[in-house]
């Protein structure tokens, strides 16, 4: 597992208490794993740990709703 993926999964697990690494296509919002407050915390942690800056105004839930999409977005921004 590459560093970005493991860091994103670690952040998600810290925020949600859920290990989503076994199903990277889980819809985090539909499953109730992540909510709007969790999204803000996720963006803050991505900024703190990976230097990724995503203004909340540019956060599109549909682009960040699965672990796989989050990893892809972060990798594209690095």
C-alpha atoms as a PDB file:
ATOM      1  CA  UNK A   1       0.000   0.000   0.000  1.00  0.00           C
ATOM      2  CA  UNK A   2       1.451   3.346  -0.957  1.00  0.00           C
ATOM      3  CA  UNK A   3       1.940   6.156   1.526  1.00  0.00           C
ATOM      4  CA  UNK A   4      -0.911   8.356   0.309  1.00  0.00           C
ATOM      5  CA  UNK A   5      -3.430   5.526   0.418  1.00  0.00           C
ATOM      6  CA  UNK A   6      -2.341   4.359   3.864  1.00  0.00           C
ATOM      7  CA  UNK A   7      -2.399   7.939   5.203  1.00  0.00           C
ATOM      8  CA  UNK A   8      -5.907   8.580   3.829  1.00  0.00           C
ATOM      9  CA  UNK A   9      -7.171   5.276   5.257  1.00  0.00           C
ATOM     10  CA  UNK A  10      -5.555   6.063   8.598  1.00  0.00           C
ATOM     11  CA  UNK A  11      -7.211   9.502   8.696  1.00  0.00           C
ATOM     12  CA  UNK A  12     -10.587   7.967   7.809  1.00  0.00           C
ATOM     13  CA  UNK A  13     -10.213   5.333  10.517  1.00  0.00           C
ATOM     14  CA  UNK A  14      -9.200   7.937  13.117  1.00  0.00           C
ATOM     15  CA  UNK A  15     -12.177  10.155  12.217  1.00  0.00           C
ATOM     16  CA  UNK A  16     -14.835   7.472  11.882  1.00  0.00           C
ATOM     17  CA  UNK A  17     -13.629   4.505  13.920  1.00  0.00           C
ATOM     18  CA  UNK A  18     -14.234   2.389  10.811  1.00  0.00           C
ATOM     19  CA  UNK A  19     -11.640   0.395   8.867  1.00  0.00           C
ATOM     20  CA  UNK A  20     -12.735   0.933   5.268  1.00  0.00           C
ATOM     21  CA  UNK A  21      -9.592  -0.502   3.675  1.00  0.00           C
ATOM     22  CA  UNK A  22     -11.335  -3.761   2.735  1.00  0.00           C
ATOM     23  CA  UNK A  23     -13.954  -1.966   0.629  1.00  0.00           C
ATOM     24  CA  UNK A  24     -12.531   1.055  -1.134  1.00  0.00           C
ATOM     25  CA  UNK A  25     -15.850   1.643  -2.947  1.00  0.00           C
ATOM     26  CA  UNK A  26     -17.984   2.018   0.180  1.00  0.00           C
ATOM     27  CA  UNK A  27     -20.092   5.173  -0.076  1.00  0.00           C
ATOM     28  CA  UNK A  28     -19.072   6.862   3.160  1.00  0.00           C
ATOM     29  CA  UNK A  29     -22.051   9.225   3.230  1.00  0.00           C
ATOM     30  CA  UNK A  30     -24.748   6.689   2.315  1.00  0.00           C
ATOM     31  CA  UNK A  31     -23.392   4.250   4.912  1.00  0.00           C
ATOM     32  CA  UNK A  32     -23.427   6.962   7.574  1.00  0.00           C
ATOM     33  CA  UNK A  33     -19.672   6.647   8.110  1.00  0.00           C
ATOM     34  CA  UNK A  34     -18.942  10.265   7.182  1.00  0.00           C
ATOM     35  CA  UNK A  35     -21.118  13.361   7.541  1.00  0.00           C
ATOM     36  CA  UNK A  36     -20.612  17.043   6.755  1.00  0.00           C
ATOM     37  CA  UNK A  37     -18.696  17.665   9.991  1.00  0.00           C
ATOM     38  CA  UNK A  38     -16.542  14.640   9.278  1.00  0.00           C
ATOM     39  CA  UNK A  39     -15.859  16.020   5.800  1.00  0.00           C
ATOM     40  CA  UNK A  40     -14.471  19.229   7.279  1.00  0.00           C
ATOM     41  CA  UNK A  41     -12.322  17.242   9.712  1.00  0.00           C
ATOM     42  CA  UNK A  42     -11.117  15.054   6.840  1.00  0.00           C
ATOM     43  CA  UNK A  43     -10.073  18.117   4.806  1.00  0.00           C
ATOM     44  CA  UNK A  44      -8.249  19.577   7.819  1.00  0.00           C
ATOM     45  CA  UNK A  45      -6.371  16.325   8.421  1.00  0.00           C
ATOM     46  CA  UNK A  46      -5.444  15.998   4.738  1.00  0.00           C
ATOM     47  CA  UNK A  47      -4.047  19.520   4.942  1.00  0.00           C
ATOM     48  CA  UNK A  48      -2.161  18.817   8.177  1.00  0.00           C
ATOM     49  CA  UNK A  49      -0.733  15.447   7.202  1.00  0.00           C
ATOM     50  CA  UNK A  50      -0.324  15.699   3.421  1.00  0.00           C
ATOM     51  CA  UNK A  51      -0.296  19.420   2.679  1.00  0.00           C
ATOM     52  CA  UNK A  52      -3.425  19.125   0.511  1.00  0.00           C
ATOM     53  CA  UNK A  53      -5.572  22.244   0.549  1.00  0.00           C
ATOM     54  CA  UNK A  54      -9.200  21.831  -0.457  1.00  0.00           C
ATOM     55  CA  UNK A  55     -11.406  24.830   0.231  1.00  0.00           C
ATOM     56  CA  UNK A  56     -14.719  23.662   1.667  1.00  0.00           C
ATOM     57  CA  UNK A  57     -16.415  25.711  -1.046  1.00  0.00           C
ATOM     58  CA  UNK A  58     -14.824  23.412  -3.658  1.00  0.00           C
ATOM     59  CA  UNK A  59     -15.718  20.210  -1.841  1.00  0.00           C
ATOM     60  CA  UNK A  60     -18.113  18.178  -3.995  1.00  0.00           C
ATOM     61  CA  UNK A  61     -19.505  15.323  -1.925  1.00  0.00           C
ATOM     62  CA  UNK A  62     -19.945  13.142  -5.033  1.00  0.00           C
ATOM     63  CA  UNK A  63     -16.207  13.385  -5.735  1.00  0.00           C
ATOM     64  CA  UNK A  64     -15.236  12.396  -2.185  1.00  0.00           C
ATOM     65  CA  UNK A  65     -17.813   9.755  -1.277  1.00  0.00           C
ATOM     66  CA  UNK A  66     -15.632   6.620  -1.346  1.00  0.00           C
ATOM     67  CA  UNK A  67     -12.158   5.869   0.023  1.00  0.00           C
ATOM     68  CA  UNK A  68     -10.962   5.132  -3.529  1.00  0.00           C
ATOM     69  CA  UNK A  69     -12.143   8.543  -4.781  1.00  0.00           C
ATOM     70  CA  UNK A  70     -10.548  10.318  -1.819  1.00  0.00           C
ATOM     71  CA  UNK A  71      -7.188   8.616  -2.472  1.00  0.00           C
ATOM     72  CA  UNK A  72      -7.400   9.469  -6.196  1.00  0.00           C
ATOM     73  CA  UNK A  73      -8.255  13.128  -5.477  1.00  0.00           C
ATOM     74  CA  UNK A  74      -5.402  13.450  -2.999  1.00  0.00           C
ATOM     75  CA  UNK A  75      -2.913  11.822  -5.378  1.00  0.00           C
ATOM     76  CA  UNK A  76      -3.976  14.197  -8.165  1.00  0.00           C
ATOM     77  CA  UNK A  77      -3.401  17.181  -5.856  1.00  0.00           C
ATOM     78  CA  UNK A  78       0.064  16.187  -4.682  1.00  0.00           C
END
